[in-house]
C-alpha atoms as a PDB file:
ATOM      1  CA  MET A   1      17.343   9.599  -5.212  1.00  0.00           C
ATOM      2  CA  PRO A   2      19.190   7.576  -2.393  1.00  0.00           C
ATOM      3  CA  PRO A   3      18.505   3.823  -2.257  1.00  0.00           C
ATOM      4  CA  ILE A   4      15.884   2.637   0.274  1.00  0.00           C
ATOM      5  CA  ASP A   5      17.437   0.540   2.886  1.00  0.00           C
ATOM      6  CA  ARG A   6      15.981  -2.700   4.002  1.00  0.00           C
ATOM      7  CA  THR A   7      14.306  -1.610   7.108  1.00  0.00           C
ATOM      8  CA  SER A   8      12.519   1.496   5.521  1.00  0.00           C
ATOM      9  CA  LEU A   9      11.199  -0.976   2.723  1.00  0.00           C
ATOM     10  CA  VAL A  10       9.644  -3.182   5.373  1.00  0.00           C
ATOM     11  CA  ASP A  11       8.018  -0.180   6.983  1.00  0.00           C
ATOM     12  CA  GLN A  12       6.628   0.923   3.670  1.00  0.00           C
ATOM     13  CA  LEU A  13       5.336  -2.580   2.883  1.00  0.00           C
ATOM     14  CA  TYR A  14       3.824  -2.760   6.472  1.00  0.00           C
ATOM     15  CA  ASP A  15       2.088   0.506   6.028  1.00  0.00           C
ATOM     16  CA  ARG A  16       0.708  -0.194   2.664  1.00  0.00           C
ATOM     17  CA  ILE A  17      -0.553  -3.613   3.511  1.00  0.00           C
ATOM     18  CA  LYS A  18      -1.890  -2.451   6.811  1.00  0.00           C
ATOM     19  CA  ASN A  19      -3.887   0.355   4.998  1.00  0.00           C
ATOM     20  CA  ASN A  20      -5.190  -1.922   2.464  1.00  0.00           C
ATOM     21  CA  ILE A  21      -6.540  -4.290   5.355  1.00  0.00           C
ATOM     22  CA  ILE A  22      -8.020  -1.428   7.300  1.00  0.00           C
ATOM     23  CA  ASN A  23      -9.817   0.081   4.325  1.00  0.00           C
ATOM     24  CA  LEU A  24     -11.084  -3.399   3.280  1.00  0.00           C
ATOM     25  CA  THR A  25      -9.115  -3.378  -0.103  1.00  0.00           C
ATOM     26  CA  TYR A  26      -7.928  -6.751   1.231  1.00  0.00           C
ATOM     27  CA  PRO A  27     -11.218  -8.259   2.612  1.00  0.00           C
ATOM     28  CA  MET A  28     -11.469  -9.924   5.950  1.00  0.00           C
ATOM     29  CA  GLY A  29     -10.686 -13.483   5.588  1.00  0.00           C
ATOM     30  CA  SER A  30      -8.814 -13.054   2.259  1.00  0.00           C
ATOM     31  CA  LYS A  31      -5.538 -14.853   1.604  1.00  0.00           C
ATOM     32  CA  LEU A  32      -2.202 -12.725   1.472  1.00  0.00           C
ATOM     33  CA  ASN A  33      -0.507 -14.725  -1.315  1.00  0.00           C
ATOM     34  CA  VAL A  34       3.251 -13.810  -0.940  1.00  0.00           C
ATOM     35  CA  ASN A  35       3.962 -14.381  -4.636  1.00  0.00           C
ATOM     36  CA  ASP A  36       1.064 -12.198  -5.769  1.00  0.00           C
ATOM     37  CA  LEU A  37       2.245  -9.602  -3.362  1.00  0.00           C
ATOM     38  CA  GLN A  38       5.851  -9.713  -4.707  1.00  0.00           C
ATOM     39  CA  THR A  39       4.593  -9.121  -8.162  1.00  0.00           C
ATOM     40  CA  HIS A  40       2.287  -6.215  -7.012  1.00  0.00           C
ATOM     41  CA  TYR A  41       4.904  -4.451  -4.907  1.00  0.00           C
ATOM     42  CA  GLY A  42       7.912  -5.404  -7.053  1.00  0.00           C
ATOM     43  CA  VAL A  43       9.863  -6.628  -3.909  1.00  0.00           C
ATOM     44  CA  SER A  44      11.576  -9.821  -2.760  1.00  0.00           C
ATOM     45  CA  SER A  45       9.972 -12.216  -0.279  1.00  0.00           C
ATOM     46  CA  THR A  46      12.141 -11.368   2.672  1.00  0.00           C
ATOM     47  CA  PRO A  47      10.963  -7.827   3.494  1.00  0.00           C
ATOM     48  CA  LEU A  48       7.390  -8.785   2.481  1.00  0.00           C
ATOM     49  CA  ARG A  49       7.412 -11.579   5.011  1.00  0.00           C
ATOM     50  CA  GLU A  50       8.798  -9.348   7.665  1.00  0.00           C
ATOM     51  CA  ALA A  51       6.002  -6.918   7.060  1.00  0.00           C
ATOM     52  CA  ILE A  52       3.455  -9.651   7.261  1.00  0.00           C
ATOM     53  CA  THR A  53       4.986 -10.934  10.600  1.00  0.00           C
ATOM     54  CA  ARG A  54       4.619  -7.449  12.025  1.00  0.00           C
ATOM     55  CA  LEU A  55       0.867  -7.393  10.926  1.00  0.00           C
ATOM     56  CA  GLN A  56       0.390 -10.834  12.502  1.00  0.00           C
ATOM     57  CA  ALA A  57       1.835  -9.583  15.800  1.00  0.00           C
ATOM     58  CA  GLU A  58      -0.613  -6.678  15.691  1.00  0.00           C
ATOM     59  CA  GLY A  59      -3.527  -8.939  15.224  1.00  0.00           C
ATOM     60  CA  LEU A  60      -4.480  -8.021  11.648  1.00  0.00           C
ATOM     61  CA  VAL A  61      -3.184 -11.084   9.946  1.00  0.00           C
ATOM     62  CA  THR A  62      -3.382 -14.817  10.988  1.00  0.00           C
ATOM     63  CA  TYR A  63      -1.119 -17.658   9.809  1.00  0.00           C
ATOM     64  CA  GLU A  64      -2.147 -21.315   9.358  1.00  0.00           C
ATOM     65  CA  ASN A  65      -0.078 -24.255   8.303  1.00  0.00           C
ATOM     66  CA  ASN A  66      -0.783 -25.407   4.663  1.00  0.00           C
ATOM     67  CA  VAL A  67      -2.911 -22.179   4.237  1.00  0.00           C
ATOM     68  CA  GLY A  68      -0.483 -19.270   4.863  1.00  0.00           C
ATOM     69  CA  ALA A  69      -1.270 -15.808   5.776  1.00  0.00           C
ATOM     70  CA  LYS A  70      -4.826 -14.357   5.812  1.00  0.00           C
ATOM     71  CA  VAL A  71      -6.462 -11.143   6.891  1.00  0.00           C
ATOM     72  CA  ILE A  72      -8.421 -11.599  10.146  1.00  0.00           C
ATOM     73  CA  SER A  73     -12.020 -12.514  10.087  1.00  0.00           C
ATOM     74  CA  LEU A  74     -14.178 -10.960  12.807  1.00  0.00           C
ATOM     75  CA  GLU A  75     -17.343 -12.082  14.456  1.00  0.00           C
ATOM     76  CA  PRO A  76     -19.761 -10.146  16.736  1.00  0.00           C
ATOM     77  CA  LYS A  77     -17.927 -11.602  19.746  1.00  0.00           C
ATOM     78  CA  ASP A  78     -14.634 -10.089  18.400  1.00  0.00           C
ATOM     79  CA  VAL A  79     -16.282  -6.705  18.166  1.00  0.00           C
ATOM     80  CA  ASP A  80     -17.467  -6.952  21.722  1.00  0.00           C
ATOM     81  CA  ASP A  81     -14.053  -7.928  23.048  1.00  0.00           C
ATOM     82  CA  ILE A  82     -12.124  -5.275  21.034  1.00  0.00           C
ATOM     83  CA  HIS A  83     -14.597  -2.450  21.904  1.00  0.00           C
ATOM     84  CA  GLY A  84     -14.475  -3.636  25.550  1.00  0.00           C
ATOM     85  CA  LEU A  85     -10.651  -3.261  25.693  1.00  0.00           C
ATOM     86  CA  VAL A  86     -10.478  -0.222  23.668  1.00  0.00           C
ATOM     87  CA  LEU A  87     -13.093   1.673  25.709  1.00  0.00           C
ATOM     88  CA  THR A  88     -11.285   0.667  28.903  1.00  0.00           C
ATOM     89  CA  LEU A  89      -8.003   2.118  27.487  1.00  0.00           C
ATOM     90  CA  HIS A  90      -9.709   5.339  26.209  1.00  0.00           C
ATOM     91  CA  LYS A  91     -11.341   5.820  29.676  1.00  0.00           C
ATOM     92  CA  MET A  92      -7.988   5.649  31.321  1.00  0.00           C
ATOM     93  CA  ALA A  93      -6.439   8.079  28.788  1.00  0.00           C
ATOM     94  CA  VAL A  94      -9.266  10.514  29.212  1.00  0.00           C
ATOM     95  CA  THR A  95      -9.118  10.399  33.106  1.00  0.00           C
ATOM     96  CA  LEU A  96      -5.323  10.978  33.131  1.00  0.00           C
ATOM     97  CA  ALA A  97      -5.462  13.547  30.465  1.00  0.00           C
ATOM     98  CA  MET A  98      -8.221  15.479  32.274  1.00  0.00           C
ATOM     99  CA  GLU A  99      -6.032  15.372  35.526  1.00  0.00           C
ATOM    100  CA  ILE A 100      -2.877  16.569  33.986  1.00  0.00           C
ATOM    101  CA  GLY A 101      -3.511  18.148  30.712  1.00  0.00           C
ATOM    102  CA  ASP A 102      -4.506  21.685  29.447  1.00  0.00           C
ATOM    103  CA  HIS A 103      -8.297  21.683  29.053  1.00  0.00           C
ATOM    104  CA  GLU A 104      -8.384  24.581  26.766  1.00  0.00           C
ATOM    105  CA  GLN A 105      -5.678  23.263  24.507  1.00  0.00           C
ATOM    106  CA  MET A 106      -7.229  19.872  24.297  1.00  0.00           C
ATOM    107  CA  ALA A 107     -10.743  21.311  23.572  1.00  0.00           C
ATOM    108  CA  ASP A 108      -9.258  23.464  20.721  1.00  0.00           C
ATOM    109  CA  LYS A 109      -7.692  20.469  19.174  1.00  0.00           C
ATOM    110  CA  ILE A 110     -10.880  18.344  19.585  1.00  0.00           C
ATOM    111  CA  ASP A 111     -12.914  21.179  18.129  1.00  0.00           C
ATOM    112  CA  GLY A 112     -10.748  21.153  14.979  1.00  0.00           C
ATOM    113  CA  TYR A 113     -10.984  17.407  14.611  1.00  0.00           C
ATOM    114  CA  VAL A 114     -14.842  17.508  14.990  1.00  0.00           C
ATOM    115  CA  LYS A 115     -15.078  20.030  12.290  1.00  0.00           C
ATOM    116  CA  ALA A 116     -12.888  18.149   9.972  1.00  0.00           C
ATOM    117  CA  TYR A 117     -14.803  14.962  10.756  1.00  0.00           C
ATOM    118  CA  LYS A 118     -18.197  16.675   9.844  1.00  0.00           C
ATOM    119  CA  ALA A 119     -16.716  18.081   6.722  1.00  0.00           C
ATOM    120  CA  ALA A 120     -15.165  14.826   5.566  1.00  0.00           C
ATOM    121  CA  THR A 121     -16.616  13.275   2.421  1.00  0.00           C
ATOM    122  CA  THR A 122     -14.870   9.895   2.474  1.00  0.00           C
ATOM    123  CA  ALA A 123     -14.817   7.121   5.070  1.00  0.00           C
ATOM    124  CA  GLU A 124     -11.026   7.536   5.175  1.00  0.00           C
ATOM    125  CA  GLY A 125     -11.336  11.151   6.386  1.00  0.00           C
ATOM    126  CA  GLU A 126     -13.870  10.267   9.000  1.00  0.00           C
ATOM    127  CA  VAL A 127     -11.933   7.484  10.439  1.00  0.00           C
ATOM    128  CA  GLN A 128      -8.670   9.541  10.454  1.00  0.00           C
ATOM    129  CA  ASN A 129     -10.294  12.570  12.151  1.00  0.00           C
ATOM    130  CA  ILE A 130     -11.907  10.403  14.830  1.00  0.00           C
ATOM    131  CA  ALA A 131      -8.622   8.609  15.513  1.00  0.00           C
ATOM    132  CA  ASP A 132      -6.890  11.954  15.933  1.00  0.00           C
ATOM    133  CA  LEU A 133      -9.693  13.268  18.199  1.00  0.00           C
ATOM    134  CA  ILE A 134      -9.426  10.352  20.474  1.00  0.00           C
ATOM    135  CA  GLY A 135      -5.600  10.409  20.293  1.00  0.00           C
ATOM    136  CA  THR A 136      -5.796  13.885  21.722  1.00  0.00           C
ATOM    137  CA  PHE A 137      -6.245  12.251  25.179  1.00  0.00           C
ATOM    138  CA  TYR A 138      -3.386   9.888  24.806  1.00  0.00           C
ATOM    139  CA  ARG A 139      -0.986  12.733  23.731  1.00  0.00           C
ATOM    140  CA  HIS A 140      -1.888  14.441  26.936  1.00  0.00           C
ATOM    141  CA  CYS A 141      -2.190  11.588  29.386  1.00  0.00           C
ATOM    142  CA  GLY A 142       1.457  11.441  30.276  1.00  0.00           C
ATOM    143  CA  ASN A 143       1.455   7.658  30.142  1.00  0.00           C
ATOM    144  CA  THR A 144       3.544   6.128  27.256  1.00  0.00           C
ATOM    145  CA  ARG A 145       2.768   2.619  28.252  1.00  0.00           C
ATOM    146  CA  LEU A 146      -1.003   3.374  28.006  1.00  0.00           C
ATOM    147  CA  ASP A 147      -0.274   4.627  24.416  1.00  0.00           C
ATOM    148  CA  THR A 148       1.783   1.645  23.459  1.00  0.00           C
ATOM    149  CA  ASN A 149      -0.914  -0.789  24.646  1.00  0.00           C
ATOM    150  CA  MET A 150      -3.441   1.105  22.592  1.00  0.00           C
ATOM    151  CA  HIS A 151      -1.112   1.030  19.457  1.00  0.00           C
ATOM    152  CA  MET A 152      -1.145  -2.904  19.672  1.00  0.00           C
ATOM    153  CA  ILE A 153      -4.793  -3.107  18.957  1.00  0.00           C
ATOM    154  CA  GLN A 154      -5.169   0.120  16.990  1.00  0.00           C
ATOM    155  CA  GLY A 155      -5.112  -1.725  13.767  1.00  0.00           C
ATOM    156  CA  GLN A 156      -8.145  -3.869  14.557  1.00  0.00           C
ATOM    157  CA  GLN A 157      -9.855  -0.817  15.962  1.00  0.00           C
ATOM    158  CA  LEU A 158      -9.253   1.177  12.813  1.00  0.00           C
ATOM    159  CA  LEU A 159     -10.599  -1.681  10.788  1.00  0.00           C
ATOM    160  CA  LEU A 160     -13.753  -1.744  12.880  1.00  0.00           C
ATOM    161  CA  ARG A 161     -14.189   2.041  12.433  1.00  0.00           C
ATOM    162  CA  PHE A 162     -13.802   1.725   8.650  1.00  0.00           C
ATOM    163  CA  LEU A 163     -16.288  -1.091   8.464  1.00  0.00           C
ATOM    164  CA  PHE A 164     -18.685   1.037  10.529  1.00  0.00           C
ATOM    165  CA  TYR A 165     -18.371   4.148   8.213  1.00  0.00           C
ATOM    166  CA  THR A 166     -18.648   2.094   4.994  1.00  0.00           C
ATOM    167  CA  TYR A 167     -21.610   0.054   6.139  1.00  0.00           C
ATOM    168  CA  LEU A 168     -23.754   3.116   6.841  1.00  0.00           C
ATOM    169  CA  LYS A 169     -25.003   5.505   4.272  1.00  0.00           C
ATOM    170  CA  PRO A 170     -23.137   8.903   4.440  1.00  0.00           C
ATOM    171  CA  ASN A 171     -26.180  10.648   5.793  1.00  0.00           C
ATOM    172  CA  GLU A 172     -26.403   8.208   8.628  1.00  0.00           C
ATOM    173  CA  ARG A 173     -22.975   7.789   9.800  1.00  0.00           C
ATOM    174  CA  LYS A 174     -22.086  11.220  11.285  1.00  0.00           C
ATOM    175  CA  GLN A 175     -22.277  10.974  15.059  1.00  0.00           C
ATOM    176  CA  ASP A 176     -23.126  14.160  16.816  1.00  0.00           C
ATOM    177  CA  ASP A 177     -21.993  12.754  20.172  1.00  0.00           C
ATOM    178  CA  TYR A 178     -18.352  13.748  19.359  1.00  0.00           C
ATOM    179  CA  ALA A 179     -19.386  17.485  19.421  1.00  0.00           C
ATOM    180  CA  GLY A 180     -20.243  17.207  23.123  1.00  0.00           C
ATOM    181  CA  ILE A 181     -16.632  16.091  23.993  1.00  0.00           C
ATOM    182  CA  ALA A 182     -14.864  19.383  23.488  1.00  0.00           C
ATOM    183  CA  LYS A 183     -17.544  21.174  25.584  1.00  0.00           C
ATOM    184  CA  ALA A 184     -17.062  18.690  28.356  1.00  0.00           C
ATOM    185  CA  VAL A 185     -13.280  18.983  28.185  1.00  0.00           C
ATOM    186  CA  ARG A 186     -13.532  22.880  28.524  1.00  0.00           C
ATOM    187  CA  ALA A 187     -15.864  22.340  31.485  1.00  0.00           C
ATOM    188  CA  GLY A 188     -13.460  19.877  33.113  1.00  0.00           C
ATOM    189  CA  ASP A 189     -16.342  17.321  33.070  1.00  0.00           C
ATOM    190  CA  THR A 190     -14.553  14.041  33.008  1.00  0.00           C
ATOM    191  CA  ASP A 191     -17.799  11.963  33.762  1.00  0.00           C
ATOM    192  CA  THR A 192     -19.568  13.460  30.741  1.00  0.00           C
ATOM    193  CA  ILE A 193     -16.759  12.619  28.391  1.00  0.00           C
ATOM    194  CA  LEU A 194     -16.695   8.996  29.577  1.00  0.00           C
ATOM    195  CA  LYS A 195     -20.517   8.681  29.251  1.00  0.00           C
ATOM    196  CA  ILE A 196     -20.320  10.100  25.648  1.00  0.00           C
ATOM    197  CA  LEU A 197     -17.571   7.595  24.756  1.00  0.00           C
ATOM    198  CA  THR A 198     -19.537   4.770  26.286  1.00  0.00           C
ATOM    199  CA  GLU A 199     -22.611   5.698  24.292  1.00  0.00           C
ATOM    200  CA  ILE A 200     -20.629   6.002  21.030  1.00  0.00           C
ATOM    201  CA  TYR A 201     -19.281   2.429  21.450  1.00  0.00           C
ATOM    202  CA  ARG A 202     -22.692   1.131  22.413  1.00  0.00           C
ATOM    203  CA  LYS A 203     -24.055   2.381  19.151  1.00  0.00           C
ATOM    204  CA  ALA A 204     -21.069   1.387  17.192  1.00  0.00           C
ATOM    205  CA  THR A 205     -21.296  -2.216  18.419  1.00  0.00           C
ATOM    206  CA  ILE A 206     -24.849  -2.519  17.241  1.00  0.00           C
ATOM    207  CA  VAL A 207     -24.028  -1.204  13.798  1.00  0.00           C
ATOM    208  CA  LEU A 208     -21.017  -3.489  13.520  1.00  0.00           C
ATOM    209  CA  HIS A 209     -23.030  -6.440  14.466  1.00  0.00           C
ATOM    210  CA  GLU A 210     -25.457  -5.596  11.714  1.00  0.00           C
ATOM    211  CA  ALA A 211     -22.574  -5.027   9.259  1.00  0.00           C
ATOM    212  CA  LEU A 212     -21.003  -8.393  10.060  1.00  0.00           C
ATOM    213  CA  ALA A 213     -24.221 -10.311   9.709  1.00  0.00           C
ATOM    214  CA  SER A 214     -24.888  -8.321   6.302  1.00  0.00           C
ATOM    215  CA  ARG A 215     -21.377  -9.521   5.028  1.00  0.00           C
ATOM    216  CA  ASN A 216     -22.068 -13.104   6.231  1.00  0.00           C
ATOM    217  CA  ASP A 217     -25.328 -13.167   4.437  1.00  0.00           C
ATOM    218  CA  SER A 218     -23.866 -11.858   1.405  1.00  0.00           C
ATOM    219  CA  ASN A 219     -20.947 -14.340   1.405  1.00  0.00           C
ATOM    220  CA  THR A 220     -23.403 -17.160   2.013  1.00  0.00           C
ATOM    221  CA  SER A 221     -25.447 -16.019  -1.138  1.00  0.00           C
ATOM    222  CA  LYS A 222     -22.416 -15.849  -3.245  1.00  0.00           C
ATOM    223  CA  LYS A 223     -21.506 -19.465  -2.353  1.00  0.00           C
ATOM    224  CA  ILE A 224     -24.940 -20.666  -3.132  1.00  0.00           C
END
């Protein structure tokens, strides 16, 4: 096996730590101890610190003097801000994709993601299929800068999605709204797609506020 160069090692560490943050293996607000991570991943501190710096730039990690690196903590206002920005970008991607994209091709892709989403038995599967579904519009919108801006906050968005799907019971978390998106794409009905997305994020915001309140109550109980 050829040796792993330093750049790809940083990439691998970045991906692994990011996934562990998004799926809540590393809980929100938890400290990322470099020494512990070095031991866990069997690496030196240099590539590990580079990976953490990338995660900090993406907004998934914060750094404080005398404290070190920590996974971000989110409050209800953060949910509102993230969802507001994400929904704005999604609406732009949808509008552009519907103007220049192949509606049938997009609808077929979205149908496939909806089926996979409904069949998913894990939160990871649900989160990934919804991300791929929404990503269809970005891949067909013809605006790489829009996609780049979405990528900058995608980690926080995926973290919120995972929190959403893990907070609800399996029989409560499937959202039927997504099924209407493919139908609206085929019909060339941009307004309906935008309305569906707005409603999805409205519902998700309510659930996430409840989830964060529940986590805060739980943490308070543990301290007591």
